[in-house]
């Protein structure tokens, strides 16, 4: 298997994970409210929400980096 195919497979996996991470986030609700919890105040991201936010940024950055790597192969 060529190196380019390996990078394409990795990029597809990272892309699917990035889409899932983006869809997992809710714009006006906290993570607990997404699963049926109730909360009136939404302030800063804490705990799992913050970790999901940074994971999403990392996955999107990895996707862009892989795109450039595949472009120059």
PDB file of N, CA and C in Angstrom:
ATOM      1  N   UNK A   1       0.858  -1.176   0.000  1.00  0.00           N
ATOM      2  CA  UNK A   1       0.000   0.000   0.000  1.00  0.00           C
ATOM      3  C   UNK A   1       0.902   1.237   0.000  1.00  0.00           C
ATOM      4  N   UNK A   2       0.576   2.167  -0.870  1.00  0.00           N
ATOM      5  CA  UNK A   2       1.415   3.352  -0.986  1.00  0.00           C
ATOM      6  C   UNK A   2       1.167   4.310   0.182  1.00  0.00           C
ATOM      7  N   UNK A   3       2.126   5.184   0.368  1.00  0.00           N
ATOM      8  CA  UNK A   3       2.058   6.149   1.465  1.00  0.00           C
ATOM      9  C   UNK A   3       0.883   7.112   1.295  1.00  0.00           C
ATOM     10  N   UNK A   4       0.580   7.459   0.055  1.00  0.00           N
ATOM     11  CA  UNK A   4      -0.529   8.378  -0.198  1.00  0.00           C
ATOM     12  C   UNK A   4      -1.864   7.754   0.213  1.00  0.00           C
ATOM     13  N   UNK A   5      -2.047   6.471  -0.056  1.00  0.00           N
ATOM     14  CA  UNK A   5      -3.289   5.788   0.333  1.00  0.00           C
ATOM     15  C   UNK A   5      -3.433   5.718   1.850  1.00  0.00           C
ATOM     16  N   UNK A   6      -2.315   5.531   2.533  1.00  0.00           N
ATOM     17  CA  UNK A   6      -2.353   5.487   3.994  1.00  0.00           C
ATOM     18  C   UNK A   6      -2.804   6.827   4.545  1.00  0.00           C
ATOM     19  N   UNK A   7      -2.262   7.920   4.004  1.00  0.00           N
ATOM     20  CA  UNK A   7      -2.651   9.251   4.455  1.00  0.00           C
ATOM     21  C   UNK A   7      -4.118   9.552   4.132  1.00  0.00           C
ATOM     22  N   UNK A   8      -4.600   9.070   2.997  1.00  0.00           N
ATOM     23  CA  UNK A   8      -6.000   9.285   2.635  1.00  0.00           C
ATOM     24  C   UNK A   8      -6.920   8.543   3.601  1.00  0.00           C
ATOM     25  N   UNK A   9      -6.567   7.313   3.952  1.00  0.00           N
ATOM     26  CA  UNK A   9      -7.373   6.547   4.906  1.00  0.00           C
ATOM     27  C   UNK A   9      -7.391   7.241   6.266  1.00  0.00           C
ATOM     28  N   UNK A  10      -6.218   7.716   6.707  1.00  0.00           N
ATOM     29  CA  UNK A  10      -6.145   8.427   7.982  1.00  0.00           C
ATOM     30  C   UNK A  10      -6.974   9.710   7.926  1.00  0.00           C
ATOM     31  N   UNK A  11      -6.934  10.411   6.782  1.00  0.00           N
ATOM     32  CA  UNK A  11      -7.697  11.646   6.646  1.00  0.00           C
ATOM     33  C   UNK A  11      -9.194  11.379   6.694  1.00  0.00           C
ATOM     34  N   UNK A  12      -9.654  10.305   6.091  1.00  0.00           N
ATOM     35  CA  UNK A  12     -11.080   9.963   6.144  1.00  0.00           C
ATOM     36  C   UNK A  12     -11.502   9.683   7.581  1.00  0.00           C
ATOM     37  N   UNK A  13     -10.692   8.942   8.317  1.00  0.00           N
ATOM     38  CA  UNK A  13     -11.004   8.638   9.719  1.00  0.00           C
ATOM     39  C   UNK A  13     -11.031   9.909  10.551  1.00  0.00           C
ATOM     40  N   UNK A  14     -10.033  10.773  10.370  1.00  0.00           N
ATOM     41  CA  UNK A  14      -9.987  12.038  11.117  1.00  0.00           C
ATOM     42  C   UNK A  14     -11.180  12.909  10.744  1.00  0.00           C
ATOM     43  N   UNK A  15     -11.562  12.919   9.480  1.00  0.00           N
ATOM     44  CA  UNK A  15     -12.713  13.712   9.041  1.00  0.00           C
ATOM     45  C   UNK A  15     -14.013  13.239   9.678  1.00  0.00           C
ATOM     46  N   UNK A  16     -14.208  11.934   9.744  1.00  0.00           N
ATOM     47  CA  UNK A  16     -15.406  11.387  10.380  1.00  0.00           C
ATOM     48  C   UNK A  16     -15.429  11.724  11.861  1.00  0.00           C
ATOM     49  N   UNK A  17     -14.279  11.605  12.523  1.00  0.00           N
ATOM     50  CA  UNK A  17     -14.209  11.949  13.943  1.00  0.00           C
ATOM     51  C   UNK A  17     -14.453  13.439  14.174  1.00  0.00           C
ATOM     52  N   UNK A  18     -13.958  14.292  13.276  1.00  0.00           N
ATOM     53  CA  UNK A  18     -14.168  15.732  13.412  1.00  0.00           C
ATOM     54  C   UNK A  18     -15.645  16.084  13.241  1.00  0.00           C
ATOM     55  N   UNK A  19     -16.302  15.469  12.278  1.00  0.00           N
ATOM     56  CA  UNK A  19     -17.734  15.719  12.082  1.00  0.00           C
ATOM     57  C   UNK A  19     -18.516  15.272  13.310  1.00  0.00           C
ATOM     58  N   UNK A  20     -18.169  14.108  13.848  1.00  0.00           N
ATOM     59  CA  UNK A  20     -18.858  13.621  15.050  1.00  0.00           C
ATOM     60  C   UNK A  20     -18.634  14.566  16.226  1.00  0.00           C
ATOM     61  N   UNK A  21     -17.420  15.065  16.382  1.00  0.00           N
ATOM     62  CA  UNK A  21     -17.125  15.982  17.485  1.00  0.00           C
ATOM     63  C   UNK A  21     -17.878  17.301  17.323  1.00  0.00           C
ATOM     64  N   UNK A  22     -17.990  17.779  16.096  1.00  0.00           N
ATOM     65  CA  UNK A  22     -18.721  19.022  15.849  1.00  0.00           C
ATOM     66  C   UNK A  22     -20.212  18.825  16.117  1.00  0.00           C
ATOM     67  N   UNK A  23     -20.763  17.713  15.675  1.00  0.00           N
ATOM     68  CA  UNK A  23     -22.183  17.459  15.890  1.00  0.00           C
ATOM     69  C   UNK A  23     -22.503  17.192  17.356  1.00  0.00           C
ATOM     70  N   UNK A  24     -21.519  16.727  18.101  1.00  0.00           N
ATOM     71  CA  UNK A  24     -21.719  16.450  19.518  1.00  0.00           C
ATOM     72  C   UNK A  24     -21.861  17.730  20.328  1.00  0.00           C
ATOM     73  N   UNK A  25     -21.317  18.808  19.814  1.00  0.00           N
ATOM     74  CA  UNK A  25     -21.409  20.085  20.509  1.00  0.00           C
ATOM     75  C   UNK A  25     -22.751  20.722  20.214  1.00  0.00           C
ATOM     76  N   UNK A  26     -23.279  21.387  21.196  1.00  0.00           N
ATOM     77  CA  UNK A  26     -24.547  22.078  21.041  1.00  0.00           C
ATOM     78  C   UNK A  26     -24.301  23.565  21.248  1.00  0.00           C
ATOM     79  N   UNK A  27     -24.888  24.387  20.422  1.00  0.00           N
ATOM     80  CA  UNK A  27     -24.551  25.809  20.449  1.00  0.00           C
ATOM     81  C   UNK A  27     -25.074  26.527  21.692  1.00  0.00           C
ATOM     82  N   UNK A  28     -26.324  26.328  22.045  1.00  0.00           N
ATOM     83  CA  UNK A  28     -26.874  27.099  23.145  1.00  0.00           C
ATOM     84  C   UNK A  28     -27.083  26.273  24.400  1.00  0.00           C
ATOM     85  N   UNK A  29     -26.677  25.034  24.380  1.00  0.00           N
ATOM     86  CA  UNK A  29     -26.893  24.173  25.540  1.00  0.00           C
ATOM     87  C   UNK A  29     -25.570  23.575  25.972  1.00  0.00           C
ATOM     88  N   UNK A  30     -25.476  23.296  27.232  1.00  0.00           N
ATOM     89  CA  UNK A  30     -24.275  22.636  27.713  1.00  0.00           C
ATOM     90  C   UNK A  30     -24.367  21.153  27.402  1.00  0.00           C
ATOM     91  N   UNK A  31     -23.296  20.434  27.629  1.00  0.00           N
ATOM     92  CA  UNK A  31     -23.262  19.021  27.291  1.00  0.00           C
ATOM     93  C   UNK A  31     -24.305  18.245  28.079  1.00  0.00           C
ATOM     94  N   UNK A  32     -24.540  18.610  29.312  1.00  0.00           N
ATOM     95  CA  UNK A  32     -25.548  17.926  30.109  1.00  0.00           C
ATOM     96  C   UNK A  32     -26.954  18.142  29.592  1.00  0.00           C
ATOM     97  N   UNK A  33     -27.225  19.317  29.060  1.00  0.00           N
ATOM     98  CA  UNK A  33     -28.547  19.608  28.518  1.00  0.00           C
ATOM     99  C   UNK A  33     -28.806  18.862  27.225  1.00  0.00           C
ATOM    100  N   UNK A  34     -27.767  18.493  26.519  1.00  0.00           N
ATOM    101  CA  UNK A  34     -27.936  17.767  25.269  1.00  0.00           C
ATOM    102  C   UNK A  34     -28.545  16.392  25.506  1.00  0.00           C
ATOM    103  N   UNK A  35     -28.329  15.837  26.680  1.00  0.00           N
ATOM    104  CA  UNK A  35     -28.835  14.511  26.991  1.00  0.00           C
ATOM    105  C   UNK A  35     -30.025  14.555  27.946  1.00  0.00           C
ATOM    106  N   UNK A  36     -30.738  15.655  28.001  1.00  0.00           N
ATOM    107  CA  UNK A  36     -31.961  15.717  28.772  1.00  0.00           C
ATOM    108  C   UNK A  36     -31.866  16.435  30.100  1.00  0.00           C
ATOM    109  N   UNK A  37     -30.706  16.872  30.500  1.00  0.00           N
ATOM    110  CA  UNK A  37     -30.583  17.623  31.739  1.00  0.00           C
ATOM    111  C   UNK A  37     -31.108  19.037  31.557  1.00  0.00           C
ATOM    112  N   UNK A  38     -31.380  19.701  32.631  1.00  0.00           N
ATOM    113  CA  UNK A  38     -31.872  21.070  32.508  1.00  0.00           C
ATOM    114  C   UNK A  38     -30.891  22.019  33.166  1.00  0.00           C
ATOM    115  N   UNK A  39     -30.725  23.130  32.554  1.00  0.00           N
ATOM    116  CA  UNK A  39     -29.851  24.163  33.097  1.00  0.00           C
ATOM    117  C   UNK A  39     -30.265  25.494  32.516  1.00  0.00           C
ATOM    118  N   UNK A  40     -30.250  26.498  33.310  1.00  0.00           N
ATOM    119  CA  UNK A  40     -30.708  27.799  32.861  1.00  0.00           C
ATOM    120  C   UNK A  40     -29.539  28.661  32.412  1.00  0.00           C
ATOM    121  N   UNK A  41     -28.412  28.532  33.068  1.00  0.00           N
ATOM    122  CA  UNK A  41     -27.277  29.402  32.800  1.00  0.00           C
ATOM    123  C   UNK A  41     -26.228  28.666  31.984  1.00  0.00           C
ATOM    124  N   UNK A  42     -25.729  29.323  30.955  1.00  0.00           N
ATOM    125  CA  UNK A  42     -24.624  28.761  30.174  1.00  0.00           C
ATOM    126  C   UNK A  42     -23.493  29.765  30.177  1.00  0.00           C
ATOM    127  N   UNK A  43     -22.426  29.427  30.857  1.00  0.00           N
ATOM    128  CA  UNK A  43     -21.296  30.340  30.962  1.00  0.00           C
ATOM    129  C   UNK A  43     -20.117  29.848  30.154  1.00  0.00           C
ATOM    130  N   UNK A  44     -19.110  29.415  30.840  1.00  0.00           N
ATOM    131  CA  UNK A  44     -17.908  28.956  30.177  1.00  0.00           C
ATOM    132  C   UNK A  44     -17.936  27.438  30.042  1.00  0.00           C
ATOM    133  N   UNK A  45     -17.096  26.951  29.147  1.00  0.00           N
ATOM    134  CA  UNK A  45     -16.980  25.503  28.972  1.00  0.00           C
ATOM    135  C   UNK A  45     -16.174  24.936  30.136  1.00  0.00           C
ATOM    136  N   UNK A  46     -16.666  23.856  30.701  1.00  0.00           N
ATOM    137  CA  UNK A  46     -15.973  23.217  31.809  1.00  0.00           C
ATOM    138  C   UNK A  46     -15.989  21.711  31.619  1.00  0.00           C
ATOM    139  N   UNK A  47     -14.982  21.076  32.117  1.00  0.00           N
ATOM    140  CA  UNK A  47     -14.923  19.625  32.137  1.00  0.00           C
ATOM    141  C   UNK A  47     -14.960  19.001  30.756  1.00  0.00           C
ATOM    142  N   UNK A  48     -15.918  18.093  30.537  1.00  0.00           N
ATOM    143  CA  UNK A  48     -15.996  17.379  29.265  1.00  0.00           C
ATOM    144  C   UNK A  48     -16.255  18.295  28.071  1.00  0.00           C
ATOM    145  N   UNK A  49     -17.000  19.371  28.283  1.00  0.00           N
ATOM    146  CA  UNK A  49     -17.265  20.303  27.187  1.00  0.00           C
ATOM    147  C   UNK A  49     -15.981  20.957  26.692  1.00  0.00           C
ATOM    148  N   UNK A  50     -15.137  21.337  27.628  1.00  0.00           N
ATOM    149  CA  UNK A  50     -13.880  21.982  27.262  1.00  0.00           C
ATOM    150  C   UNK A  50     -12.958  20.986  26.549  1.00  0.00           C
ATOM    151  N   UNK A  51     -12.930  19.757  27.051  1.00  0.00           N
ATOM    152  CA  UNK A  51     -12.090  18.737  26.423  1.00  0.00           C
ATOM    153  C   UNK A  51     -12.595  18.444  25.002  1.00  0.00           C
ATOM    154  N   UNK A  52     -13.918  18.351  24.817  1.00  0.00           N
ATOM    155  CA  UNK A  52     -14.484  18.121  23.498  1.00  0.00           C
ATOM    156  C   UNK A  52     -14.165  19.283  22.554  1.00  0.00           C
ATOM    157  N   UNK A  53     -14.167  20.496  23.075  1.00  0.00           N
ATOM    158  CA  UNK A  53     -13.831  21.678  22.285  1.00  0.00           C
ATOM    159  C   UNK A  53     -12.388  21.601  21.775  1.00  0.00           C
ATOM    160  N   UNK A  54     -11.458  21.251  22.652  1.00  0.00           N
ATOM    161  CA  UNK A  54     -10.052  21.155  22.247  1.00  0.00           C
ATOM    162  C   UNK A  54      -9.803  19.948  21.339  1.00  0.00           C
ATOM    163  N   UNK A  55     -10.524  18.859  21.562  1.00  0.00           N
ATOM    164  CA  UNK A  55     -10.405  17.699  20.666  1.00  0.00           C
ATOM    165  C   UNK A  55     -10.877  18.072  19.268  1.00  0.00           C
ATOM    166  N   UNK A  56     -11.971  18.839  19.185  1.00  0.00           N
ATOM    167  CA  UNK A  56     -12.480  19.276  17.888  1.00  0.00           C
ATOM    168  C   UNK A  56     -11.453  20.145  17.166  1.00  0.00           C
ATOM    169  N   UNK A  57     -10.844  21.070  17.879  1.00  0.00           N
ATOM    170  CA  UNK A  57      -9.815  21.921  17.269  1.00  0.00           C
ATOM    171  C   UNK A  57      -8.639  21.073  16.786  1.00  0.00           C
ATOM    172  N   UNK A  58      -8.217  20.119  17.591  1.00  0.00           N
ATOM    173  CA  UNK A  58      -7.110  19.245  17.206  1.00  0.00           C
ATOM    174  C   UNK A  58      -7.428  18.401  15.984  1.00  0.00           C
ATOM    175  N   UNK A  59      -8.649  17.850  15.925  1.00  0.00           N
ATOM    176  CA  UNK A  59      -9.039  17.030  14.779  1.00  0.00           C
ATOM    177  C   UNK A  59      -9.109  17.856  13.496  1.00  0.00           C
ATOM    178  N   UNK A  60      -9.635  19.065  13.589  1.00  0.00           N
ATOM    179  CA  UNK A  60      -9.711  19.920  12.396  1.00  0.00           C
ATOM    180  C   UNK A  60      -8.311  20.341  11.947  1.00  0.00           C
ATOM    181  N   UNK A  61      -7.439  20.637  12.894  1.00  0.00           N
ATOM    182  CA  UNK A  61      -6.055  20.989  12.543  1.00  0.00           C
ATOM    183  C   UNK A  61      -5.352  19.795  11.899  1.00  0.00           C
ATOM    184  N   UNK A  62      -5.579  18.596  12.424  1.00  0.00           N
ATOM    185  CA  UNK A  62      -4.982  17.391  11.842  1.00  0.00           C
ATOM    186  C   UNK A  62      -5.520  17.151  10.436  1.00  0.00           C
ATOM    187  N   UNK A  63      -6.809  17.411  10.229  1.00  0.00           N
ATOM    188  CA  UNK A  63      -7.410  17.243   8.906  1.00  0.00           C
ATOM    189  C   UNK A  63      -6.766  18.183   7.891  1.00  0.00           C
ATOM    190  N   UNK A  64      -6.578  19.440   8.286  1.00  0.00           N
ATOM    191  CA  UNK A  64      -5.958  20.410   7.385  1.00  0.00           C
ATOM    192  C   UNK A  64      -4.508  20.032   7.101  1.00  0.00           C
ATOM    193  N   UNK A  65      -3.785  19.618   8.142  1.00  0.00           N
ATOM    194  CA  UNK A  65      -2.392  19.206   7.963  1.00  0.00           C
ATOM    195  C   UNK A  65      -2.288  18.005   7.027  1.00  0.00           C
ATOM    196  N   UNK A  66      -3.166  17.028   7.210  1.00  0.00           N
ATOM    197  CA  UNK A  66      -3.169  15.868   6.317  1.00  0.00           C
ATOM    198  C   UNK A  66      -3.506  16.267   4.886  1.00  0.00           C
ATOM    199  N   UNK A  67      -4.372  17.241   4.717  1.00  0.00           N
ATOM    200  CA  UNK A  67      -4.709  17.721   3.372  1.00  0.00           C
ATOM    201  C   UNK A  67      -3.480  18.286   2.675  1.00  0.00           C
ATOM    202  N   UNK A  68      -2.681  19.074   3.405  1.00  0.00           N
ATOM    203  CA  UNK A  68      -1.463  19.616   2.817  1.00  0.00           C
ATOM    204  C   UNK A  68      -0.425  18.528   2.549  1.00  0.00           C
ATOM    205  N   UNK A  69      -0.331  17.561   3.425  1.00  0.00           N
ATOM    206  CA  UNK A  69       0.622  16.460   3.212  1.00  0.00           C
ATOM    207  C   UNK A  69       0.257  15.681   1.949  1.00  0.00           C
ATOM    208  N   UNK A  70      -1.032  15.380   1.784  1.00  0.00           N
ATOM    209  CA  UNK A  70      -1.474  14.641   0.605  1.00  0.00           C
ATOM    210  C   UNK A  70      -1.278  15.486  -0.654  1.00  0.00           C
ATOM    211  N   UNK A  71      -1.459  16.785  -0.547  1.00  0.00           N
ATOM    212  CA  UNK A  71      -1.278  17.671  -1.693  1.00  0.00           C
ATOM    213  C   UNK A  71       0.158  17.622  -2.221  1.00  0.00           C
ATOM    214  N   UNK A  72       1.129  17.557  -1.302  1.00  0.00           N
ATOM    215  CA  UNK A  72       2.529  17.601  -1.716  1.00  0.00           C
ATOM    216  C   UNK A  72       3.173  16.241  -1.911  1.00  0.00           C
ATOM    217  N   UNK A  73       2.406  15.159  -1.752  1.00  0.00           N
ATOM    218  CA  UNK A  73       2.967  13.817  -2.013  1.00  0.00           C
ATOM    219  C   UNK A  73       2.985  13.510  -3.477  1.00  0.00           C
TER     220      UNK A  73
END
